[in-house]
PDB file of N, CA and C in Angstrom:
ATOM      1  N   UNK A   1     130.797  73.282 222.145  1.00  0.00           N
ATOM      2  CA  UNK A   1     130.691  74.142 220.765  1.00  0.00           C
ATOM      3  C   UNK A   1     132.171  72.874 219.913  1.00  0.00           C
ATOM      4  N   UNK A   2     131.342  72.870 218.301  1.00  0.00           N
ATOM      5  CA  UNK A   2     131.756  72.318 217.579  1.00  0.00           C
ATOM      6  C   UNK A   2     132.822  72.846 217.277  1.00  0.00           C
ATOM      7  N   UNK A   3     133.732  72.159 216.898  1.00  0.00           N
ATOM      8  CA  UNK A   3     135.112  73.005 215.912  1.00  0.00           C
ATOM      9  C   UNK A   3     134.080  74.299 214.782  1.00  0.00           C
ATOM     10  N   UNK A   4     133.346  73.584 213.659  1.00  0.00           N
ATOM     11  CA  UNK A   4     133.013  74.371 213.362  1.00  0.00           C
ATOM     12  C   UNK A   4     133.088  75.671 213.464  1.00  0.00           C
ATOM     13  N   UNK A   5     131.908  75.505 215.020  1.00  0.00           N
ATOM     14  CA  UNK A   5     131.395  77.198 215.160  1.00  0.00           C
ATOM     15  C   UNK A   5     132.341  77.846 215.715  1.00  0.00           C
ATOM     16  N   UNK A   6     133.443  77.391 216.347  1.00  0.00           N
ATOM     17  CA  UNK A   6     134.663  77.824 217.069  1.00  0.00           C
ATOM     18  C   UNK A   6     135.708  78.463 215.177  1.00  0.00           C
ATOM     19  N   UNK A   7     135.910  78.078 214.119  1.00  0.00           N
ATOM     20  CA  UNK A   7     137.061  78.050 212.902  1.00  0.00           C
ATOM     21  C   UNK A   7     135.664  79.005 213.013  1.00  0.00           C
ATOM     22  N   UNK A   8     134.301  79.353 212.814  1.00  0.00           N
ATOM     23  CA  UNK A   8     133.811  80.502 212.244  1.00  0.00           C
ATOM     24  C   UNK A   8     133.751  81.819 212.649  1.00  0.00           C
ATOM     25  N   UNK A   9     133.441  82.006 214.543  1.00  0.00           N
ATOM     26  CA  UNK A   9     134.103  82.699 215.689  1.00  0.00           C
ATOM     27  C   UNK A   9     135.701  82.818 214.740  1.00  0.00           C
ATOM     28  N   UNK A  10     136.931  81.621 214.862  1.00  0.00           N
ATOM     29  CA  UNK A  10     137.921  83.352 214.463  1.00  0.00           C
ATOM     30  C   UNK A  10     138.056  83.340 213.561  1.00  0.00           C
ATOM     31  N   UNK A  11     137.376  83.149 212.611  1.00  0.00           N
ATOM     32  CA  UNK A  11     137.370  83.718 210.993  1.00  0.00           C
ATOM     33  C   UNK A  11     136.300  85.273 211.237  1.00  0.00           C
ATOM     34  N   UNK A  12     135.943  85.244 212.335  1.00  0.00           N
ATOM     35  CA  UNK A  12     135.057  86.470 212.284  1.00  0.00           C
ATOM     36  C   UNK A  12     135.578  87.296 213.037  1.00  0.00           C
ATOM     37  N   UNK A  13     135.863  87.432 213.842  1.00  0.00           N
ATOM     38  CA  UNK A  13     137.075  87.963 214.300  1.00  0.00           C
ATOM     39  C   UNK A  13     138.414  88.215 214.085  1.00  0.00           C
ATOM     40  N   UNK A  14     138.793  87.206 213.013  1.00  0.00           N
ATOM     41  CA  UNK A  14     140.586  87.661 211.981  1.00  0.00           C
ATOM     42  C   UNK A  14     139.643  89.110 211.327  1.00  0.00           C
ATOM     43  N   UNK A  15     138.319  88.566 210.357  1.00  0.00           N
ATOM     44  CA  UNK A  15     138.472  89.400 209.456  1.00  0.00           C
ATOM     45  C   UNK A  15     137.917  91.097 210.019  1.00  0.00           C
ATOM     46  N   UNK A  16     137.601  90.841 211.133  1.00  0.00           N
ATOM     47  CA  UNK A  16     137.439  92.472 212.065  1.00  0.00           C
ATOM     48  C   UNK A  16     138.580  92.689 212.087  1.00  0.00           C
ATOM     49  N   UNK A  17     139.623  92.065 213.030  1.00  0.00           N
ATOM     50  CA  UNK A  17     141.022  92.625 212.958  1.00  0.00           C
ATOM     51  C   UNK A  17     141.952  93.494 211.651  1.00  0.00           C
ATOM     52  N   UNK A  18     140.947  92.832 210.802  1.00  0.00           N
ATOM     53  CA  UNK A  18     141.843  93.091 209.150  1.00  0.00           C
ATOM     54  C   UNK A  18     141.178  93.939 208.983  1.00  0.00           C
ATOM     55  N   UNK A  19     139.835  94.481 208.890  1.00  0.00           N
ATOM     56  CA  UNK A  19     139.849  95.043 208.749  1.00  0.00           C
ATOM     57  C   UNK A  19     139.498  96.251 209.144  1.00  0.00           C
ATOM     58  N   UNK A  20     140.303  96.440 209.834  1.00  0.00           N
ATOM     59  CA  UNK A  20     140.311  97.905 211.111  1.00  0.00           C
ATOM     60  C   UNK A  20     141.633  98.523 210.818  1.00  0.00           C
ATOM     61  N   UNK A  21     141.538  99.341 210.780  1.00  0.00           N
ATOM     62  CA  UNK A  21     142.463 101.170 210.025  1.00  0.00           C
ATOM     63  C   UNK A  21     143.705 100.361 211.701  1.00  0.00           C
ATOM     64  N   UNK A  22     145.436 100.291 211.673  1.00  0.00           N
ATOM     65  CA  UNK A  22     145.822  99.518 212.926  1.00  0.00           C
ATOM     66  C   UNK A  22     146.530 101.570 213.112  1.00  0.00           C
ATOM     67  N   UNK A  23     146.982 101.384 214.148  1.00  0.00           N
ATOM     68  CA  UNK A  23     147.781 102.558 214.575  1.00  0.00           C
ATOM     69  C   UNK A  23     148.710 102.945 214.236  1.00  0.00           C
ATOM     70  N   UNK A  24     149.601 102.296 213.235  1.00  0.00           N
ATOM     71  CA  UNK A  24     150.951 102.457 212.120  1.00  0.00           C
ATOM     72  C   UNK A  24     150.060 103.053 211.098  1.00  0.00           C
ATOM     73  N   UNK A  25     148.748 102.847 210.782  1.00  0.00           N
ATOM     74  CA  UNK A  25     147.985 102.658 209.509  1.00  0.00           C
ATOM     75  C   UNK A  25     147.587 104.551 210.017  1.00  0.00           C
ATOM     76  N   UNK A  26     146.938 104.903 210.872  1.00  0.00           N
ATOM     77  CA  UNK A  26     146.709 106.150 211.599  1.00  0.00           C
ATOM     78  C   UNK A  26     147.865 107.441 211.733  1.00  0.00           C
ATOM     79  N   UNK A  27     149.501 107.090 212.121  1.00  0.00           N
ATOM     80  CA  UNK A  27     150.315 107.483 212.044  1.00  0.00           C
ATOM     81  C   UNK A  27     150.553 107.593 210.520  1.00  0.00           C
ATOM     82  N   UNK A  28     150.518 106.414 209.453  1.00  0.00           N
ATOM     83  CA  UNK A  28     150.773 106.988 208.219  1.00  0.00           C
ATOM     84  C   UNK A  28     149.925 107.454 207.690  1.00  0.00           C
ATOM     85  N   UNK A  29     148.859 107.731 207.524  1.00  0.00           N
ATOM     86  CA  UNK A  29     147.611 108.846 207.118  1.00  0.00           C
ATOM     87  C   UNK A  29     148.323 109.648 207.645  1.00  0.00           C
ATOM     88  N   UNK A  30     148.332 110.047 208.496  1.00  0.00           N
ATOM     89  CA  UNK A  30     149.325 111.596 209.518  1.00  0.00           C
ATOM     90  C   UNK A  30     150.463 112.444 208.603  1.00  0.00           C
ATOM     91  N   UNK A  31     151.133 110.863 208.286  1.00  0.00           N
ATOM     92  CA  UNK A  31     152.551 111.220 208.181  1.00  0.00           C
ATOM     93  C   UNK A  31     151.901 112.222 206.280  1.00  0.00           C
ATOM     94  N   UNK A  32     151.221 111.015 205.610  1.00  0.00           N
ATOM     95  CA  UNK A  32     150.801 111.140 204.281  1.00  0.00           C
ATOM     96  C   UNK A  32     150.214 113.164 204.597  1.00  0.00           C
ATOM     97  N   UNK A  33     149.308 113.109 205.423  1.00  0.00           N
ATOM     98  CA  UNK A  33     148.805 114.066 205.074  1.00  0.00           C
ATOM     99  C   UNK A  33     150.463 115.723 205.233  1.00  0.00           C
ATOM    100  N   UNK A  34     151.045 115.162 206.210  1.00  0.00           N
ATOM    101  CA  UNK A  34     151.653 116.220 206.334  1.00  0.00           C
ATOM    102  C   UNK A  34     152.868 116.691 205.258  1.00  0.00           C
ATOM    103  N   UNK A  35     152.980 114.857 204.184  1.00  0.00           N
ATOM    104  CA  UNK A  35     153.859 115.504 203.467  1.00  0.00           C
ATOM    105  C   UNK A  35     152.825 115.635 202.089  1.00  0.00           C
ATOM    106  N   UNK A  36     151.715 115.832 202.591  1.00  0.00           N
ATOM    107  CA  UNK A  36     150.652 116.016 201.541  1.00  0.00           C
ATOM    108  C   UNK A  36     150.984 117.474 201.476  1.00  0.00           C
ATOM    109  N   UNK A  37     150.733 118.367 202.762  1.00  0.00           N
ATOM    110  CA  UNK A  37     151.060 120.018 202.590  1.00  0.00           C
ATOM    111  C   UNK A  37     152.409 120.193 202.559  1.00  0.00           C
ATOM    112  N   UNK A  38     153.123 119.436 202.481  1.00  0.00           N
ATOM    113  CA  UNK A  38     154.795 120.389 202.464  1.00  0.00           C
ATOM    114  C   UNK A  38     154.462 120.617 200.856  1.00  0.00           C
ATOM    115  N   UNK A  39     154.421 118.845 200.053  1.00  0.00           N
ATOM    116  CA  UNK A  39     154.165 119.123 198.516  1.00  0.00           C
ATOM    117  C   UNK A  39     153.252 120.802 198.240  1.00  0.00           C
ATOM    118  N   UNK A  40     152.384 120.762 199.001  1.00  0.00           N
ATOM    119  CA  UNK A  40     151.159 121.537 198.499  1.00  0.00           C
ATOM    120  C   UNK A  40     152.318 123.091 198.161  1.00  0.00           C
ATOM    121  N   UNK A  41     153.374 123.270 199.621  1.00  0.00           N
ATOM    122  CA  UNK A  41     153.517 124.406 199.573  1.00  0.00           C
ATOM    123  C   UNK A  41     155.094 124.329 198.417  1.00  0.00           C
ATOM    124  N   UNK A  42     155.974 123.203 198.378  1.00  0.00           N
ATOM    125  CA  UNK A  42     155.979 122.852 197.436  1.00  0.00           C
ATOM    126  C   UNK A  42     156.459 123.841 196.068  1.00  0.00           C
ATOM    127  N   UNK A  43     155.027 122.893 195.459  1.00  0.00           N
ATOM    128  CA  UNK A  43     154.684 123.490 194.508  1.00  0.00           C
ATOM    129  C   UNK A  43     154.449 124.802 194.128  1.00  0.00           C
ATOM    130  N   UNK A  44     153.417 125.444 195.609  1.00  0.00           N
ATOM    131  CA  UNK A  44     152.758 126.848 194.946  1.00  0.00           C
ATOM    132  C   UNK A  44     154.942 128.068 194.903  1.00  0.00           C
ATOM    133  N   UNK A  45     155.527 128.109 195.665  1.00  0.00           N
ATOM    134  CA  UNK A  45     156.603 128.313 195.939  1.00  0.00           C
ATOM    135  C   UNK A  45     157.026 128.347 194.958  1.00  0.00           C
ATOM    136  N   UNK A  46     157.738 126.503 193.811  1.00  0.00           N
ATOM    137  CA  UNK A  46     158.500 126.570 192.690  1.00  0.00           C
ATOM    138  C   UNK A  46     157.085 127.569 191.351  1.00  0.00           C
ATOM    139  N   UNK A  47     156.172 127.292 191.846  1.00  0.00           N
ATOM    140  CA  UNK A  47     155.437 127.657 190.327  1.00  0.00           C
ATOM    141  C   UNK A  47     155.571 129.888 190.681  1.00  0.00           C
ATOM    142  N   UNK A  48     155.092 130.244 192.607  1.00  0.00           N
ATOM    143  CA  UNK A  48     155.904 131.564 192.216  1.00  0.00           C
ATOM    144  C   UNK A  48     157.490 132.574 191.761  1.00  0.00           C
ATOM    145  N   UNK A  49     158.504 132.232 192.487  1.00  0.00           N
ATOM    146  CA  UNK A  49     159.476 131.675 192.958  1.00  0.00           C
ATOM    147  C   UNK A  49     160.585 131.150 192.071  1.00  0.00           C
ATOM    148  N   UNK A  50     160.353 130.659 191.517  1.00  0.00           N
ATOM    149  CA  UNK A  50     161.422 129.650 190.345  1.00  0.00           C
ATOM    150  C   UNK A  50     161.489 130.063 188.837  1.00  0.00           C
ATOM    151  N   UNK A  51     163.002 130.093 188.564  1.00  0.00           N
ATOM    152  CA  UNK A  51     162.719 130.590 186.738  1.00  0.00           C
ATOM    153  C   UNK A  51     161.796 128.818 186.246  1.00  0.00           C
ATOM    154  N   UNK A  52     161.261 129.931 184.428  1.00  0.00           N
ATOM    155  CA  UNK A  52     160.801 129.036 183.917  1.00  0.00           C
ATOM    156  C   UNK A  52     161.771 128.731 183.268  1.00  0.00           C
ATOM    157  N   UNK A  53     161.887 127.051 183.657  1.00  0.00           N
ATOM    158  CA  UNK A  53     162.967 125.844 183.259  1.00  0.00           C
ATOM    159  C   UNK A  53     162.445 124.649 182.423  1.00  0.00           C
ATOM    160  N   UNK A  54     162.327 124.525 181.612  1.00  0.00           N
ATOM    161  CA  UNK A  54     162.465 122.868 181.348  1.00  0.00           C
ATOM    162  C   UNK A  54     162.718 121.584 182.663  1.00  0.00           C
ATOM    163  N   UNK A  55     162.946 121.829 183.596  1.00  0.00           N
ATOM    164  CA  UNK A  55     163.987 121.049 184.768  1.00  0.00           C
ATOM    165  C   UNK A  55     162.986 121.178 186.367  1.00  0.00           C
ATOM    166  N   UNK A  56     162.332 122.875 186.142  1.00  0.00           N
ATOM    167  CA  UNK A  56     162.001 123.311 187.370  1.00  0.00           C
ATOM    168  C   UNK A  56     160.105 122.567 186.880  1.00  0.00           C
ATOM    169  N   UNK A  57     159.899 122.864 185.096  1.00  0.00           N
ATOM    170  CA  UNK A  57     158.641 121.966 184.848  1.00  0.00           C
ATOM    171  C   UNK A  57     158.505 120.774 185.170  1.00  0.00           C
ATOM    172  N   UNK A  58     159.476 120.237 184.864  1.00  0.00           N
ATOM    173  CA  UNK A  58     159.466 118.655 185.454  1.00  0.00           C
ATOM    174  C   UNK A  58     159.510 118.082 186.671  1.00  0.00           C
ATOM    175  N   UNK A  59     160.290 119.065 187.279  1.00  0.00           N
ATOM    176  CA  UNK A  59     160.365 119.022 189.029  1.00  0.00           C
ATOM    177  C   UNK A  59     158.639 118.896 189.628  1.00  0.00           C
ATOM    178  N   UNK A  60     158.139 120.195 188.495  1.00  0.00           N
ATOM    179  CA  UNK A  60     156.877 120.260 189.012  1.00  0.00           C
ATOM    180  C   UNK A  60     156.129 119.468 189.170  1.00  0.00           C
ATOM    181  N   UNK A  61     156.126 118.859 188.069  1.00  0.00           N
ATOM    182  CA  UNK A  61     155.420 117.868 187.342  1.00  0.00           C
ATOM    183  C   UNK A  61     155.646 116.317 188.427  1.00  0.00           C
ATOM    184  N   UNK A  62     156.874 115.867 188.635  1.00  0.00           N
ATOM    185  CA  UNK A  62     156.953 114.593 189.479  1.00  0.00           C
ATOM    186  C   UNK A  62     156.507 115.578 190.566  1.00  0.00           C
ATOM    187  N   UNK A  63     156.372 116.629 191.625  1.00  0.00           N
ATOM    188  CA  UNK A  63     155.831 117.157 192.249  1.00  0.00           C
ATOM    189  C   UNK A  63     154.173 116.575 192.153  1.00  0.00           C
ATOM    190  N   UNK A  64     153.754 117.318 192.006  1.00  0.00           N
ATOM    191  CA  UNK A  64     152.105 117.076 191.250  1.00  0.00           C
ATOM    192  C   UNK A  64     152.050 115.733 191.418  1.00  0.00           C
ATOM    193  N   UNK A  65     152.532 114.631 190.584  1.00  0.00           N
ATOM    194  CA  UNK A  65     153.286 112.951 191.114  1.00  0.00           C
ATOM    195  C   UNK A  65     152.747 112.702 192.254  1.00  0.00           C
ATOM    196  N   UNK A  66     153.599 112.907 192.815  1.00  0.00           N
ATOM    197  CA  UNK A  66     154.039 112.880 194.579  1.00  0.00           C
ATOM    198  C   UNK A  66     152.281 112.787 195.283  1.00  0.00           C
ATOM    199  N   UNK A  67     152.014 114.614 194.585  1.00  0.00           N
ATOM    200  CA  UNK A  67     151.124 114.671 196.048  1.00  0.00           C
ATOM    201  C   UNK A  67     149.286 113.873 195.080  1.00  0.00           C
ATOM    202  N   UNK A  68     149.753 113.580 193.732  1.00  0.00           N
ATOM    203  CA  UNK A  68     147.729 112.748 193.894  1.00  0.00           C
ATOM    204  C   UNK A  68     148.213 111.426 194.002  1.00  0.00           C
ATOM    205  N   UNK A  69     149.450 110.721 194.534  1.00  0.00           N
ATOM    206  CA  UNK A  69     149.465 109.517 194.938  1.00  0.00           C
ATOM    207  C   UNK A  69     149.337 109.367 196.635  1.00  0.00           C
ATOM    208  N   UNK A  70     149.619 110.547 197.294  1.00  0.00           N
ATOM    209  CA  UNK A  70     149.366 110.595 198.471  1.00  0.00           C
ATOM    210  C   UNK A  70     147.633 110.611 198.984  1.00  0.00           C
ATOM    211  N   UNK A  71     147.477 111.460 197.686  1.00  0.00           N
ATOM    212  CA  UNK A  71     146.380 112.511 198.035  1.00  0.00           C
ATOM    213  C   UNK A  71     145.027 110.840 198.078  1.00  0.00           C
ATOM    214  N   UNK A  72     145.803 109.846 197.079  1.00  0.00           N
ATOM    215  CA  UNK A  72     145.047 108.432 196.551  1.00  0.00           C
ATOM    216  C   UNK A  72     144.760 107.731 197.655  1.00  0.00           C
ATOM    217  N   UNK A  73     146.410 107.979 198.736  1.00  0.00           N
ATOM    218  CA  UNK A  73     146.649 106.448 199.232  1.00  0.00           C
ATOM    219  C   UNK A  73     145.240 107.402 200.433  1.00  0.00           C
ATOM    220  N   UNK A  74     145.538 108.502 200.821  1.00  0.00           N
ATOM    221  CA  UNK A  74     144.912 109.695 201.952  1.00  0.00           C
ATOM    222  C   UNK A  74     143.406 108.855 202.220  1.00  0.00           C
ATOM    223  N   UNK A  75     142.414 108.867 200.484  1.00  0.00           N
ATOM    224  CA  UNK A  75     141.137 109.154 200.087  1.00  0.00           C
ATOM    225  C   UNK A  75     141.006 107.677 200.773  1.00  0.00           C
ATOM    226  N   UNK A  76     141.482 106.879 200.336  1.00  0.00           N
ATOM    227  CA  UNK A  76     141.242 104.907 200.635  1.00  0.00           C
ATOM    228  C   UNK A  76     141.501 104.748 202.041  1.00  0.00           C
ATOM    229  N   UNK A  77     142.261 105.723 202.721  1.00  0.00           N
ATOM    230  CA  UNK A  77     142.401 105.302 204.324  1.00  0.00           C
ATOM    231  C   UNK A  77     141.294 106.233 205.191  1.00  0.00           C
ATOM    232  N   UNK A  78     140.363 107.099 204.528  1.00  0.00           N
ATOM    233  CA  UNK A  78     139.439 107.837 204.795  1.00  0.00           C
ATOM    234  C   UNK A  78     138.142 106.812 204.848  1.00  0.00           C
ATOM    235  N   UNK A  79     138.108 106.137 203.840  1.00  0.00           N
ATOM    236  CA  UNK A  79     137.250 105.411 203.499  1.00  0.00           C
ATOM    237  C   UNK A  79     137.254 104.287 204.285  1.00  0.00           C
ATOM    238  N   UNK A  80     138.250 103.868 204.284  1.00  0.00           N
ATOM    239  CA  UNK A  80     138.215 102.679 205.426  1.00  0.00           C
ATOM    240  C   UNK A  80     138.084 102.981 206.340  1.00  0.00           C
ATOM    241  N   UNK A  81     138.284 104.199 207.451  1.00  0.00           N
ATOM    242  CA  UNK A  81     138.198 104.567 208.903  1.00  0.00           C
ATOM    243  C   UNK A  81     136.611 104.738 208.573  1.00  0.00           C
ATOM    244  N   UNK A  82     135.568 105.158 207.666  1.00  0.00           N
ATOM    245  CA  UNK A  82     134.141 105.976 207.875  1.00  0.00           C
ATOM    246  C   UNK A  82     133.668 104.500 208.053  1.00  0.00           C
ATOM    247  N   UNK A  83     133.554 103.356 206.913  1.00  0.00           N
ATOM    248  CA  UNK A  83     133.579 102.046 207.508  1.00  0.00           C
ATOM    249  C   UNK A  83     133.688 101.758 208.222  1.00  0.00           C
ATOM    250  N   UNK A  84     135.067 101.416 208.926  1.00  0.00           N
ATOM    251  CA  UNK A  84     134.677 101.088 210.242  1.00  0.00           C
ATOM    252  C   UNK A  84     133.653 102.604 211.376  1.00  0.00           C
ATOM    253  N   UNK A  85     134.205 103.291 211.006  1.00  0.00           N
ATOM    254  CA  UNK A  85     132.938 104.218 212.185  1.00  0.00           C
ATOM    255  C   UNK A  85     131.645 103.900 211.841  1.00  0.00           C
ATOM    256  N   UNK A  86     130.657 103.686 210.661  1.00  0.00           N
ATOM    257  CA  UNK A  86     129.898 103.117 210.634  1.00  0.00           C
ATOM    258  C   UNK A  86     129.151 102.250 211.053  1.00  0.00           C
ATOM    259  N   UNK A  87     130.074 101.426 210.874  1.00  0.00           N
ATOM    260  CA  UNK A  87     130.002 100.061 211.610  1.00  0.00           C
ATOM    261  C   UNK A  87     129.482  99.672 213.012  1.00  0.00           C
ATOM    262  N   UNK A  88     130.896 100.719 213.868  1.00  0.00           N
ATOM    263  CA  UNK A  88     130.665 101.275 215.316  1.00  0.00           C
ATOM    264  C   UNK A  88     129.304 101.423 215.324  1.00  0.00           C
ATOM    265  N   UNK A  89     129.099 102.835 214.424  1.00  0.00           N
ATOM    266  CA  UNK A  89     127.421 102.653 214.857  1.00  0.00           C
ATOM    267  C   UNK A  89     126.704 101.823 214.870  1.00  0.00           C
ATOM    268  N   UNK A  90     126.606 101.301 213.979  1.00  0.00           N
ATOM    269  CA  UNK A  90     125.280 100.536 213.917  1.00  0.00           C
ATOM    270  C   UNK A  90     125.290  98.948 214.580  1.00  0.00           C
ATOM    271  N   UNK A  91     126.933  98.563 215.350  1.00  0.00           N
ATOM    272  CA  UNK A  91     126.707  97.816 216.281  1.00  0.00           C
ATOM    273  C   UNK A  91     126.297  98.476 217.394  1.00  0.00           C
ATOM    274  N   UNK A  92     126.885  99.917 218.141  1.00  0.00           N
ATOM    275  CA  UNK A  92     126.044 100.547 219.186  1.00  0.00           C
ATOM    276  C   UNK A  92     123.778 100.321 218.968  1.00  0.00           C
ATOM    277  N   UNK A  93     123.719 101.027 217.697  1.00  0.00           N
ATOM    278  CA  UNK A  93     122.286 100.978 217.782  1.00  0.00           C
ATOM    279  C   UNK A  93     121.460  99.644 217.722  1.00  0.00           C
ATOM    280  N   UNK A  94     122.278  98.438 217.042  1.00  0.00           N
ATOM    281  CA  UNK A  94     121.250  97.535 217.266  1.00  0.00           C
ATOM    282  C   UNK A  94     122.193  96.554 217.733  1.00  0.00           C
ATOM    283  N   UNK A  95     122.941  96.698 218.829  1.00  0.00           N
ATOM    284  CA  UNK A  95     123.530  95.877 220.045  1.00  0.00           C
ATOM    285  C   UNK A  95     122.424  95.099 220.666  1.00  0.00           C
ATOM    286  N   UNK A  96     121.884  94.224 220.863  1.00  0.00           N
ATOM    287  CA  UNK A  96     120.806  93.128 220.932  1.00  0.00           C
ATOM    288  C   UNK A  96     121.210  93.388 222.970  1.00  0.00           C
ATOM    289  N   UNK A  97     120.139  93.304 223.203  1.00  0.00           N
ATOM    290  CA  UNK A  97     120.598  93.040 224.559  1.00  0.00           C
ATOM    291  C   UNK A  97     120.638  92.150 225.702  1.00  0.00           C
ATOM    292  N   UNK A  98     119.521  90.568 224.952  1.00  0.00           N
ATOM    293  CA  UNK A  98     120.054  89.818 225.529  1.00  0.00           C
ATOM    294  C   UNK A  98     120.891  88.681 224.747  1.00  0.00           C
ATOM    295  N   UNK A  99     121.502  89.338 223.993  1.00  0.00           N
ATOM    296  CA  UNK A  99     122.268  88.194 222.935  1.00  0.00           C
ATOM    297  C   UNK A  99     121.343  87.583 221.871  1.00  0.00           C
ATOM    298  N   UNK A 100     119.939  87.912 221.892  1.00  0.00           N
ATOM    299  CA  UNK A 100     119.592  87.077 220.423  1.00  0.00           C
ATOM    300  C   UNK A 100     118.631  88.602 219.634  1.00  0.00           C
ATOM    301  N   UNK A 101     118.702  89.589 219.664  1.00  0.00           N
ATOM    302  CA  UNK A 101     118.522  90.675 219.198  1.00  0.00           C
ATOM    303  C   UNK A 101     117.083  91.648 219.501  1.00  0.00           C
ATOM    304  N   UNK A 102     116.652  90.502 220.679  1.00  0.00           N
ATOM    305  CA  UNK A 102     115.575  91.094 221.447  1.00  0.00           C
ATOM    306  C   UNK A 102     115.776  91.641 222.647  1.00  0.00           C
ATOM    307  N   UNK A 103     114.710  92.145 222.811  1.00  0.00           N
ATOM    308  CA  UNK A 103     114.887  92.735 224.492  1.00  0.00           C
ATOM    309  C   UNK A 103     113.828  91.926 225.509  1.00  0.00           C
ATOM    310  N   UNK A 104     114.224  91.094 226.537  1.00  0.00           N
ATOM    311  CA  UNK A 104     113.269  90.719 227.277  1.00  0.00           C
ATOM    312  C   UNK A 104     111.757  90.637 227.523  1.00  0.00           C
ATOM    313  N   UNK A 105     111.389  89.915 227.649  1.00  0.00           N
ATOM    314  CA  UNK A 105     109.527  90.630 227.184  1.00  0.00           C
ATOM    315  C   UNK A 105     109.333  91.438 228.891  1.00  0.00           C
ATOM    316  N   UNK A 106     110.122  91.623 229.974  1.00  0.00           N
ATOM    317  CA  UNK A 106     109.721  92.283 231.118  1.00  0.00           C
ATOM    318  C   UNK A 106     109.818  93.594 230.227  1.00  0.00           C
ATOM    319  N   UNK A 107     111.836  93.759 230.183  1.00  0.00           N
ATOM    320  CA  UNK A 107     111.574  95.387 229.499  1.00  0.00           C
ATOM    321  C   UNK A 107     110.849  96.002 228.448  1.00  0.00           C
ATOM    322  N   UNK A 108     110.052  95.054 227.481  1.00  0.00           N
ATOM    323  CA  UNK A 108     108.867  95.651 226.545  1.00  0.00           C
ATOM    324  C   UNK A 108     108.232  96.087 227.741  1.00  0.00           C
ATOM    325  N   UNK A 109     107.114  95.082 228.560  1.00  0.00           N
ATOM    326  CA  UNK A 109     106.025  95.699 229.178  1.00  0.00           C
ATOM    327  C   UNK A 109     105.988  96.882 230.354  1.00  0.00           C
ATOM    328  N   UNK A 110     107.409  96.894 230.813  1.00  0.00           N
ATOM    329  CA  UNK A 110     107.894  97.467 232.119  1.00  0.00           C
ATOM    330  C   UNK A 110     108.191  99.297 231.136  1.00  0.00           C
ATOM    331  N   UNK A 111     108.799  99.153 230.145  1.00  0.00           N
ATOM    332  CA  UNK A 111     108.229 100.483 229.077  1.00  0.00           C
ATOM    333  C   UNK A 111     107.058 100.712 228.275  1.00  0.00           C
ATOM    334  N   UNK A 112     105.984  99.698 228.351  1.00  0.00           N
ATOM    335  CA  UNK A 112     104.971 100.302 227.878  1.00  0.00           C
ATOM    336  C   UNK A 112     103.825 100.703 228.873  1.00  0.00           C
ATOM    337  N   UNK A 113     104.090  99.834 230.500  1.00  0.00           N
ATOM    338  CA  UNK A 113     103.402 100.287 231.112  1.00  0.00           C
ATOM    339  C   UNK A 113     103.865 101.633 231.906  1.00  0.00           C
ATOM    340  N   UNK A 114     105.277 102.038 231.909  1.00  0.00           N
ATOM    341  CA  UNK A 114     105.405 103.558 232.387  1.00  0.00           C
ATOM    342  C   UNK A 114     105.315 104.559 231.346  1.00  0.00           C
ATOM    343  N   UNK A 115     105.148 104.348 230.625  1.00  0.00           N
ATOM    344  CA  UNK A 115     104.387 105.404 228.825  1.00  0.00           C
ATOM    345  C   UNK A 115     103.085 105.689 229.117  1.00  0.00           C
ATOM    346  N   UNK A 116     102.568 103.996 229.859  1.00  0.00           N
ATOM    347  CA  UNK A 116     101.236 104.589 229.702  1.00  0.00           C
ATOM    348  C   UNK A 116     100.684 104.882 230.896  1.00  0.00           C
ATOM    349  N   UNK A 117     101.271 104.396 232.535  1.00  0.00           N
ATOM    350  CA  UNK A 117     101.278 105.003 233.554  1.00  0.00           C
ATOM    351  C   UNK A 117     101.457 107.104 233.585  1.00  0.00           C
ATOM    352  N   UNK A 118     102.388 107.461 232.452  1.00  0.00           N
ATOM    353  CA  UNK A 118     102.847 109.015 232.923  1.00  0.00           C
ATOM    354  C   UNK A 118     102.026 109.656 231.905  1.00  0.00           C
ATOM    355  N   UNK A 119     101.650 108.659 230.936  1.00  0.00           N
ATOM    356  CA  UNK A 119     100.103 109.621 229.944  1.00  0.00           C
ATOM    357  C   UNK A 119      98.664 109.289 230.681  1.00  0.00           C
ATOM    358  N   UNK A 120      98.313 108.772 231.494  1.00  0.00           N
ATOM    359  CA  UNK A 120      97.011 108.252 231.998  1.00  0.00           C
ATOM    360  C   UNK A 120      96.199 109.651 232.764  1.00  0.00           C
ATOM    361  N   UNK A 121      95.421 108.573 233.493  1.00  0.00           N
ATOM    362  CA  UNK A 121      94.571 109.499 234.501  1.00  0.00           C
ATOM    363  C   UNK A 121      95.130 110.358 235.456  1.00  0.00           C
ATOM    364  N   UNK A 122      95.314 111.190 235.950  1.00  0.00           N
ATOM    365  CA  UNK A 122      95.689 112.357 236.549  1.00  0.00           C
ATOM    366  C   UNK A 122      94.930 112.900 237.958  1.00  0.00           C
ATOM    367  N   UNK A 123      94.001 111.654 238.174  1.00  0.00           N
ATOM    368  CA  UNK A 123      92.662 112.435 239.281  1.00  0.00           C
ATOM    369  C   UNK A 123      93.016 112.878 240.616  1.00  0.00           C
TER     370      UNK A 123
END
């Protein structure tokens, strides 16, 4: 293996590692969802129970801004993790059997032979 091939392999592996969410990112996404739920709760309760004042309106606006920021981050994480899921399902569906993207000839003929023998003459 020459150094160019080794470099390409290492680069491919690094790209894959950097494109998948880490366990820390999953934890942060979970904490963001918890914060989103709590901010929604706070907004609902301040709108329902708090007196109407300029300070409460400003607090509500700050909570809405924080909520929107967290929801944006959550959507980005969901897109990133969906891309990961689709890549894994594509790899599983198109995984080459012999490393070259095709089934060995004995597996292709064996599969067609079994299919023919099942549906063939039953005398």
